[in-house]
Amino acid sequence: MVVIIPAGPRALAGLHEAAYSLTGREREVVNFVARGYSTRQISAAQFISKSTVQNHFSPIFEKVGIRSRRELVKRLFLDSMMLHG
């Protein structure tokens, strides 16, 4: 038997990340943002400075075509959910 179910938001987010050609570190930052981490929390978790975390946002936003963290979460996760809702 084969059961087909819609992909969840996390799986779809991975596809979106690949489609936008995000680097490994950019994908990590995106995943932390999706979990609600602040810049300080991402910095501590990745052992990088807060300014380095901030520096990762510029190319992420440019690649995805957005201007804020809120738009990032919406684009990568909520839009995916709406496709299957």
PDB file of N, CA and C in Angstrom:
ATOM      1  N   MET A   1       0.838  -1.160   0.000  1.00  0.00           N
ATOM      2  CA  MET A   1       0.000   0.000   0.000  1.00  0.00           C
ATOM      3  C   MET A   1       0.895   1.239   0.000  1.00  0.00           C
ATOM      4  N   VAL A   2       0.503   2.226  -0.762  1.00  0.00           N
ATOM      5  CA  VAL A   2       1.203   3.504  -0.800  1.00  0.00           C
ATOM      6  C   VAL A   2       0.232   4.573  -0.330  1.00  0.00           C
ATOM      7  N   VAL A   3       0.685   5.344   0.637  1.00  0.00           N
ATOM      8  CA  VAL A   3      -0.138   6.425   1.162  1.00  0.00           C
ATOM      9  C   VAL A   3       0.556   7.737   0.821  1.00  0.00           C
ATOM     10  N   ILE A   4      -0.170   8.623   0.213  1.00  0.00           N
ATOM     11  CA  ILE A   4       0.389   9.920  -0.158  1.00  0.00           C
ATOM     12  C   ILE A   4      -0.274  10.984   0.698  1.00  0.00           C
ATOM     13  N   ILE A   5       0.572  11.748   1.399  1.00  0.00           N
ATOM     14  CA  ILE A   5       0.061  12.836   2.215  1.00  0.00           C
ATOM     15  C   ILE A   5       0.801  14.114   1.816  1.00  0.00           C
ATOM     16  N   PRO A   6       0.192  15.261   2.032  1.00  0.00           N
ATOM     17  CA  PRO A   6       0.872  16.513   1.710  1.00  0.00           C
ATOM     18  C   PRO A   6       2.116  16.686   2.577  1.00  0.00           C
ATOM     19  N   ALA A   7       3.144  17.274   1.988  1.00  0.00           N
ATOM     20  CA  ALA A   7       4.351  17.564   2.749  1.00  0.00           C
ATOM     21  C   ALA A   7       4.039  18.629   3.784  1.00  0.00           C
ATOM     22  N   GLY A   8       4.666  18.492   4.948  1.00  0.00           N
ATOM     23  CA  GLY A   8       4.485  19.478   5.996  1.00  0.00           C
ATOM     24  C   GLY A   8       5.281  20.746   5.721  1.00  0.00           C
ATOM     25  N   PRO A   9       5.042  21.788   6.504  1.00  0.00           N
ATOM     26  CA  PRO A   9       5.721  23.060   6.285  1.00  0.00           C
ATOM     27  C   PRO A   9       7.244  22.965   6.351  1.00  0.00           C
ATOM     28  N   ARG A  10       7.784  22.141   7.253  1.00  0.00           N
ATOM     29  CA  ARG A  10       9.242  22.012   7.357  1.00  0.00           C
ATOM     30  C   ARG A  10       9.839  21.414   6.090  1.00  0.00           C
ATOM     31  N   ALA A  11       9.213  20.392   5.559  1.00  0.00           N
ATOM     32  CA  ALA A  11       9.724  19.778   4.329  1.00  0.00           C
ATOM     33  C   ALA A  11       9.636  20.759   3.165  1.00  0.00           C
ATOM     34  N   LEU A  12       8.530  21.467   3.088  1.00  0.00           N
ATOM     35  CA  LEU A  12       8.376  22.455   2.019  1.00  0.00           C
ATOM     36  C   LEU A  12       9.348  23.608   2.186  1.00  0.00           C
ATOM     37  N   ALA A  13       9.639  23.972   3.432  1.00  0.00           N
ATOM     38  CA  ALA A  13      10.609  25.045   3.673  1.00  0.00           C
ATOM     39  C   ALA A  13      11.968  24.653   3.116  1.00  0.00           C
ATOM     40  N   GLY A  14      12.337  23.392   3.287  1.00  0.00           N
ATOM     41  CA  GLY A  14      13.604  22.924   2.734  1.00  0.00           C
ATOM     42  C   GLY A  14      13.647  23.048   1.222  1.00  0.00           C
ATOM     43  N   LEU A  15      12.531  22.761   0.578  1.00  0.00           N
ATOM     44  CA  LEU A  15      12.461  22.919  -0.877  1.00  0.00           C
ATOM     45  C   LEU A  15      12.576  24.380  -1.282  1.00  0.00           C
ATOM     46  N   HIS A  16      11.911  25.245  -0.531  1.00  0.00           N
ATOM     47  CA  HIS A  16      12.003  26.678  -0.817  1.00  0.00           C
ATOM     48  C   HIS A  16      13.436  27.166  -0.632  1.00  0.00           C
ATOM     49  N   GLU A  17      14.082  26.711   0.451  1.00  0.00           N
ATOM     50  CA  GLU A  17      15.458  27.124   0.708  1.00  0.00           C
ATOM     51  C   GLU A  17      16.365  26.723  -0.448  1.00  0.00           C
ATOM     52  N   ALA A  18      16.188  25.528  -0.960  1.00  0.00           N
ATOM     53  CA  ALA A  18      16.993  25.072  -2.098  1.00  0.00           C
ATOM     54  C   ALA A  18      16.674  25.901  -3.337  1.00  0.00           C
ATOM     55  N   ALA A  19      15.404  26.210  -3.533  1.00  0.00           N
ATOM     56  CA  ALA A  19      15.002  26.981  -4.707  1.00  0.00           C
ATOM     57  C   ALA A  19      15.607  28.379  -4.696  1.00  0.00           C
ATOM     58  N   TYR A  20      15.816  28.935  -3.509  1.00  0.00           N
ATOM     59  CA  TYR A  20      16.387  30.273  -3.407  1.00  0.00           C
ATOM     60  C   TYR A  20      17.918  30.252  -3.362  1.00  0.00           C
ATOM     61  N   SER A  21      18.518  29.089  -3.464  1.00  0.00           N
ATOM     62  CA  SER A  21      19.983  28.935  -3.460  1.00  0.00           C
ATOM     63  C   SER A  21      20.634  29.503  -2.202  1.00  0.00           C
ATOM     64  N   LEU A  22      20.032  29.234  -1.063  1.00  0.00           N
ATOM     65  CA  LEU A  22      20.629  29.680   0.192  1.00  0.00           C
ATOM     66  C   LEU A  22      21.823  28.806   0.529  1.00  0.00           C
ATOM     67  N   THR A  23      22.846  29.433   1.105  1.00  0.00           N
ATOM     68  CA  THR A  23      24.020  28.682   1.540  1.00  0.00           C
ATOM     69  C   THR A  23      23.663  27.874   2.782  1.00  0.00           C
ATOM     70  N   GLY A  24      24.541  27.001   3.182  1.00  0.00           N
ATOM     71  CA  GLY A  24      24.317  26.199   4.386  1.00  0.00           C
ATOM     72  C   GLY A  24      24.089  27.067   5.611  1.00  0.00           C
ATOM     73  N   ARG A  25      24.927  28.084   5.799  1.00  0.00           N
ATOM     74  CA  ARG A  25      24.786  28.963   6.961  1.00  0.00           C
ATOM     75  C   ARG A  25      23.487  29.767   6.872  1.00  0.00           C
ATOM     76  N   GLU A  26      23.127  30.205   5.673  1.00  0.00           N
ATOM     77  CA  GLU A  26      21.869  30.931   5.504  1.00  0.00           C
ATOM     78  C   GLU A  26      20.684  30.042   5.849  1.00  0.00           C
ATOM     79  N   ARG A  27      20.734  28.776   5.448  1.00  0.00           N
ATOM     80  CA  ARG A  27      19.654  27.839   5.798  1.00  0.00           C
ATOM     81  C   ARG A  27      19.567  27.668   7.307  1.00  0.00           C
ATOM     82  N   GLU A  28      20.717  27.595   7.976  1.00  0.00           N
ATOM     83  CA  GLU A  28      20.717  27.467   9.439  1.00  0.00           C
ATOM     84  C   GLU A  28      20.061  28.683  10.075  1.00  0.00           C
ATOM     85  N   VAL A  29      20.426  29.869   9.613  1.00  0.00           N
ATOM     86  CA  VAL A  29      19.842  31.098  10.149  1.00  0.00           C
ATOM     87  C   VAL A  29      18.328  31.108   9.911  1.00  0.00           C
ATOM     88  N   VAL A  30      17.898  30.733   8.719  1.00  0.00           N
ATOM     89  CA  VAL A  30      16.472  30.686   8.406  1.00  0.00           C
ATOM     90  C   VAL A  30      15.751  29.728   9.351  1.00  0.00           C
ATOM     91  N   ASN A  31      16.333  28.583   9.605  1.00  0.00           N
ATOM     92  CA  ASN A  31      15.694  27.614  10.491  1.00  0.00           C
ATOM     93  C   ASN A  31      15.583  28.142  11.917  1.00  0.00           C
ATOM     94  N   PHE A  32      16.604  28.870  12.381  1.00  0.00           N
ATOM     95  CA  PHE A  32      16.520  29.484  13.714  1.00  0.00           C
ATOM     96  C   PHE A  32      15.426  30.544  13.750  1.00  0.00           C
ATOM     97  N   VAL A  33      15.333  31.352  12.716  1.00  0.00           N
ATOM     98  CA  VAL A  33      14.287  32.380  12.639  1.00  0.00           C
ATOM     99  C   VAL A  33      12.916  31.719  12.671  1.00  0.00           C
ATOM    100  N   ALA A  34      12.767  30.636  11.944  1.00  0.00           N
ATOM    101  CA  ALA A  34      11.482  29.928  11.893  1.00  0.00           C
ATOM    102  C   ALA A  34      11.075  29.393  13.262  1.00  0.00           C
ATOM    103  N   ARG A  35      12.063  29.105  14.087  1.00  0.00           N
ATOM    104  CA  ARG A  35      11.781  28.612  15.449  1.00  0.00           C
ATOM    105  C   ARG A  35      11.636  29.754  16.444  1.00  0.00           C
ATOM    106  N   GLY A  36      11.720  31.005  15.944  1.00  0.00           N
ATOM    107  CA  GLY A  36      11.485  32.151  16.812  1.00  0.00           C
ATOM    108  C   GLY A  36      12.699  32.662  17.561  1.00  0.00           C
ATOM    109  N   TYR A  37      13.907  32.232  17.159  1.00  0.00           N
ATOM    110  CA  TYR A  37      15.117  32.685  17.840  1.00  0.00           C
ATOM    111  C   TYR A  37      15.385  34.161  17.535  1.00  0.00           C
ATOM    112  N   SER A  38      15.880  34.877  18.529  1.00  0.00           N
ATOM    113  CA  SER A  38      16.314  36.258  18.342  1.00  0.00           C
ATOM    114  C   SER A  38      17.729  36.246  17.763  1.00  0.00           C
ATOM    115  N   THR A  39      18.182  37.411  17.342  1.00  0.00           N
ATOM    116  CA  THR A  39      19.559  37.528  16.840  1.00  0.00           C
ATOM    117  C   THR A  39      20.546  37.061  17.909  1.00  0.00           C
ATOM    118  N   ARG A  40      20.321  37.469  19.145  1.00  0.00           N
ATOM    119  CA  ARG A  40      21.210  37.070  20.242  1.00  0.00           C
ATOM    120  C   ARG A  40      21.222  35.546  20.419  1.00  0.00           C
ATOM    121  N   GLN A  41      20.055  34.918  20.347  1.00  0.00           N
ATOM    122  CA  GLN A  41      19.971  33.467  20.505  1.00  0.00           C
ATOM    123  C   GLN A  41      20.651  32.736  19.347  1.00  0.00           C
ATOM    124  N   ILE A  42      20.481  33.239  18.128  1.00  0.00           N
ATOM    125  CA  ILE A  42      21.148  32.632  16.968  1.00  0.00           C
ATOM    126  C   ILE A  42      22.652  32.769  17.130  1.00  0.00           C
ATOM    127  N   SER A  43      23.090  33.939  17.559  1.00  0.00           N
ATOM    128  CA  SER A  43      24.507  34.211  17.777  1.00  0.00           C
ATOM    129  C   SER A  43      25.102  33.209  18.763  1.00  0.00           C
ATOM    130  N   ALA A  44      24.423  33.012  19.879  1.00  0.00           N
ATOM    131  CA  ALA A  44      24.910  32.081  20.905  1.00  0.00           C
ATOM    132  C   ALA A  44      24.911  30.640  20.408  1.00  0.00           C
ATOM    133  N   ALA A  45      23.859  30.255  19.699  1.00  0.00           N
ATOM    134  CA  ALA A  45      23.743  28.878  19.210  1.00  0.00           C
ATOM    135  C   ALA A  45      24.784  28.545  18.149  1.00  0.00           C
ATOM    136  N   GLN A  46      25.148  29.543  17.327  1.00  0.00           N
ATOM    137  CA  GLN A  46      26.076  29.317  16.221  1.00  0.00           C
ATOM    138  C   GLN A  46      27.509  29.747  16.548  1.00  0.00           C
ATOM    139  N   PHE A  47      27.715  30.314  17.754  1.00  0.00           N
ATOM    140  CA  PHE A  47      29.040  30.782  18.166  1.00  0.00           C
ATOM    141  C   PHE A  47      29.600  31.809  17.193  1.00  0.00           C
ATOM    142  N   ILE A  48      28.721  32.746  16.788  1.00  0.00           N
ATOM    143  CA  ILE A  48      29.121  33.848  15.920  1.00  0.00           C
ATOM    144  C   ILE A  48      28.594  35.144  16.539  1.00  0.00           C
ATOM    145  N   SER A  49      29.138  36.265  16.129  1.00  0.00           N
ATOM    146  CA  SER A  49      28.703  37.536  16.697  1.00  0.00           C
ATOM    147  C   SER A  49      27.311  37.912  16.186  1.00  0.00           C
ATOM    148  N   LYS A  50      26.656  38.807  16.944  1.00  0.00           N
ATOM    149  CA  LYS A  50      25.340  39.283  16.525  1.00  0.00           C
ATOM    150  C   LYS A  50      25.433  40.010  15.187  1.00  0.00           C
ATOM    151  N   SER A  51      26.525  40.747  14.975  1.00  0.00           N
ATOM    152  CA  SER A  51      26.658  41.461  13.697  1.00  0.00           C
ATOM    153  C   SER A  51      26.824  40.479  12.538  1.00  0.00           C
ATOM    154  N   THR A  52      27.475  39.344  12.774  1.00  0.00           N
ATOM    155  CA  THR A  52      27.593  38.323  11.727  1.00  0.00           C
ATOM    156  C   THR A  52      26.230  37.736  11.406  1.00  0.00           C
ATOM    157  N   VAL A  53      25.428  37.505  12.437  1.00  0.00           N
ATOM    158  CA  VAL A  53      24.058  37.016  12.206  1.00  0.00           C
ATOM    159  C   VAL A  53      23.312  38.029  11.348  1.00  0.00           C
ATOM    160  N   GLN A  54      23.389  39.295  11.717  1.00  0.00           N
ATOM    161  CA  GLN A  54      22.707  40.343  10.955  1.00  0.00           C
ATOM    162  C   GLN A  54      23.203  40.381   9.511  1.00  0.00           C
ATOM    163  N   ASN A  55      24.505  40.171   9.323  1.00  0.00           N
ATOM    164  CA  ASN A  55      25.078  40.183   7.971  1.00  0.00           C
ATOM    165  C   ASN A  55      24.528  39.060   7.099  1.00  0.00           C
ATOM    166  N   HIS A  56      24.088  37.969   7.702  1.00  0.00           N
ATOM    167  CA  HIS A  56      23.505  36.864   6.931  1.00  0.00           C
ATOM    168  C   HIS A  56      22.117  37.224   6.393  1.00  0.00           C
ATOM    169  N   PHE A  57      21.424  38.147   7.061  1.00  0.00           N
ATOM    170  CA  PHE A  57      20.063  38.475   6.644  1.00  0.00           C
ATOM    171  C   PHE A  57      20.011  39.192   5.304  1.00  0.00           C
ATOM    172  N   SER A  58      20.955  40.047   5.030  1.00  0.00           N
ATOM    173  CA  SER A  58      20.911  40.820   3.786  1.00  0.00           C
ATOM    174  C   SER A  58      20.854  39.927   2.546  1.00  0.00           C
ATOM    175  N   PRO A  59      21.783  38.957   2.386  1.00  0.00           N
ATOM    176  CA  PRO A  59      21.683  38.091   1.201  1.00  0.00           C
ATOM    177  C   PRO A  59      20.461  37.172   1.231  1.00  0.00           C
ATOM    178  N   ILE A  60      20.033  36.750   2.421  1.00  0.00           N
ATOM    179  CA  ILE A  60      18.828  35.921   2.521  1.00  0.00           C
ATOM    180  C   ILE A  60      17.632  36.714   2.005  1.00  0.00           C
ATOM    181  N   PHE A  61      17.473  37.934   2.519  1.00  0.00           N
ATOM    182  CA  PHE A  61      16.343  38.767   2.108  1.00  0.00           C
ATOM    183  C   PHE A  61      16.387  39.037   0.614  1.00  0.00           C
ATOM    184  N   GLU A  62      17.591  39.316   0.097  1.00  0.00           N
ATOM    185  CA  GLU A  62      17.722  39.601  -1.333  1.00  0.00           C
ATOM    186  C   GLU A  62      17.351  38.390  -2.182  1.00  0.00           C
ATOM    187  N   LYS A  63      17.846  37.210  -1.799  1.00  0.00           N
ATOM    188  CA  LYS A  63      17.568  35.988  -2.568  1.00  0.00           C
ATOM    189  C   LYS A  63      16.091  35.628  -2.553  1.00  0.00           C
ATOM    190  N   VAL A  64      15.452  35.841  -1.407  1.00  0.00           N
ATOM    191  CA  VAL A  64      14.051  35.459  -1.259  1.00  0.00           C
ATOM    192  C   VAL A  64      13.117  36.566  -1.767  1.00  0.00           C
ATOM    193  N   GLY A  65      13.635  37.781  -1.882  1.00  0.00           N
ATOM    194  CA  GLY A  65      12.830  38.882  -2.381  1.00  0.00           C
ATOM    195  C   GLY A  65      11.929  39.507  -1.331  1.00  0.00           C
ATOM    196  N   ILE A  66      12.449  39.601  -0.106  1.00  0.00           N
ATOM    197  CA  ILE A  66      11.670  40.156   0.995  1.00  0.00           C
ATOM    198  C   ILE A  66      12.532  41.170   1.754  1.00  0.00           C
ATOM    199  N   ARG A  67      11.936  41.811   2.817  1.00  0.00           N
ATOM    200  CA  ARG A  67      12.669  42.830   3.553  1.00  0.00           C
ATOM    201  C   ARG A  67      12.685  42.658   5.059  1.00  0.00           C
ATOM    202  N   SER A  68      12.053  41.606   5.578  1.00  0.00           N
ATOM    203  CA  SER A  68      11.999  41.451   7.034  1.00  0.00           C
ATOM    204  C   SER A  68      11.925  39.978   7.422  1.00  0.00           C
ATOM    205  N   ARG A  69      12.192  39.729   8.689  1.00  0.00           N
ATOM    206  CA  ARG A  69      12.074  38.361   9.215  1.00  0.00           C
ATOM    207  C   ARG A  69      10.639  37.863   9.102  1.00  0.00           C
ATOM    208  N   ARG A  70       9.707  38.739   9.377  1.00  0.00           N
ATOM    209  CA  ARG A  70       8.296  38.351   9.304  1.00  0.00           C
ATOM    210  C   ARG A  70       7.942  37.890   7.892  1.00  0.00           C
ATOM    211  N   GLU A  71       8.387  38.648   6.903  1.00  0.00           N
ATOM    212  CA  GLU A  71       8.139  38.257   5.513  1.00  0.00           C
ATOM    213  C   GLU A  71       8.848  36.944   5.187  1.00  0.00           C
ATOM    214  N   LEU A  72      10.018  36.736   5.762  1.00  0.00           N
ATOM    215  CA  LEU A  72      10.765  35.500   5.526  1.00  0.00           C
ATOM    216  C   LEU A  72       9.970  34.292   6.008  1.00  0.00           C
ATOM    217  N   VAL A  73       9.490  34.371   7.227  1.00  0.00           N
ATOM    218  CA  VAL A  73       8.710  33.254   7.777  1.00  0.00           C
ATOM    219  C   VAL A  73       7.453  33.038   6.944  1.00  0.00           C
ATOM    220  N   LYS A  74       6.798  34.127   6.584  1.00  0.00           N
ATOM    221  CA  LYS A  74       5.587  34.005   5.771  1.00  0.00           C
ATOM    222  C   LYS A  74       5.900  33.350   4.440  1.00  0.00           C
ATOM    223  N   ARG A  75       6.941  33.808   3.767  1.00  0.00           N
ATOM    224  CA  ARG A  75       7.274  33.292   2.442  1.00  0.00           C
ATOM    225  C   ARG A  75       7.643  31.808   2.494  1.00  0.00           C
ATOM    226  N   LEU A  76       8.480  31.431   3.428  1.00  0.00           N
ATOM    227  CA  LEU A  76       8.989  30.057   3.443  1.00  0.00           C
ATOM    228  C   LEU A  76       8.058  29.054   4.094  1.00  0.00           C
ATOM    229  N   PHE A  77       7.222  29.500   5.020  1.00  0.00           N
ATOM    230  CA  PHE A  77       6.417  28.550   5.770  1.00  0.00           C
ATOM    231  C   PHE A  77       4.920  28.737   5.575  1.00  0.00           C
ATOM    232  N   LEU A  78       4.417  29.907   5.804  1.00  0.00           N
ATOM    233  CA  LEU A  78       2.969  30.100   5.726  1.00  0.00           C
ATOM    234  C   LEU A  78       2.442  29.968   4.307  1.00  0.00           C
ATOM    235  N   ASP A  79       3.180  30.482   3.321  1.00  0.00           N
ATOM    236  CA  ASP A  79       2.736  30.314   1.931  1.00  0.00           C
ATOM    237  C   ASP A  79       2.636  28.840   1.574  1.00  0.00           C
ATOM    238  N   SER A  80       3.563  28.040   2.075  1.00  0.00           N
ATOM    239  CA  SER A  80       3.548  26.604   1.810  1.00  0.00           C
ATOM    240  C   SER A  80       2.287  25.960   2.408  1.00  0.00           C
ATOM    241  N   MET A  81       1.934  26.389   3.602  1.00  0.00           N
ATOM    242  CA  MET A  81       0.758  25.828   4.250  1.00  0.00           C
ATOM    243  C   MET A  81      -0.505  26.202   3.483  1.00  0.00           C
ATOM    244  N   MET A  82      -0.553  27.405   2.937  1.00  0.00           N
ATOM    245  CA  MET A  82      -1.733  27.861   2.209  1.00  0.00           C
ATOM    246  C   MET A  82      -1.917  27.082   0.904  1.00  0.00           C
ATOM    247  N   LEU A  83      -0.817  26.616   0.327  1.00  0.00           N
ATOM    248  CA  LEU A  83      -0.925  25.834  -0.895  1.00  0.00           C
ATOM    249  C   LEU A  83      -1.667  24.530  -0.658  1.00  0.00           C
ATOM    250  N   HIS A  84      -1.576  24.019   0.567  1.00  0.00           N
ATOM    251  CA  HIS A  84      -2.180  22.725   0.881  1.00  0.00           C
ATOM    252  C   HIS A  84      -3.405  22.855   1.776  1.00  0.00           C
ATOM    253  N   GLY A  85      -3.821  24.073   2.057  1.00  0.00           N
ATOM    254  CA  GLY A  85      -4.928  24.302   3.002  1.00  0.00           C
ATOM    255  C   GLY A  85      -6.259  24.291   2.398  1.00  0.00           C
TER     256      GLY A  85
END
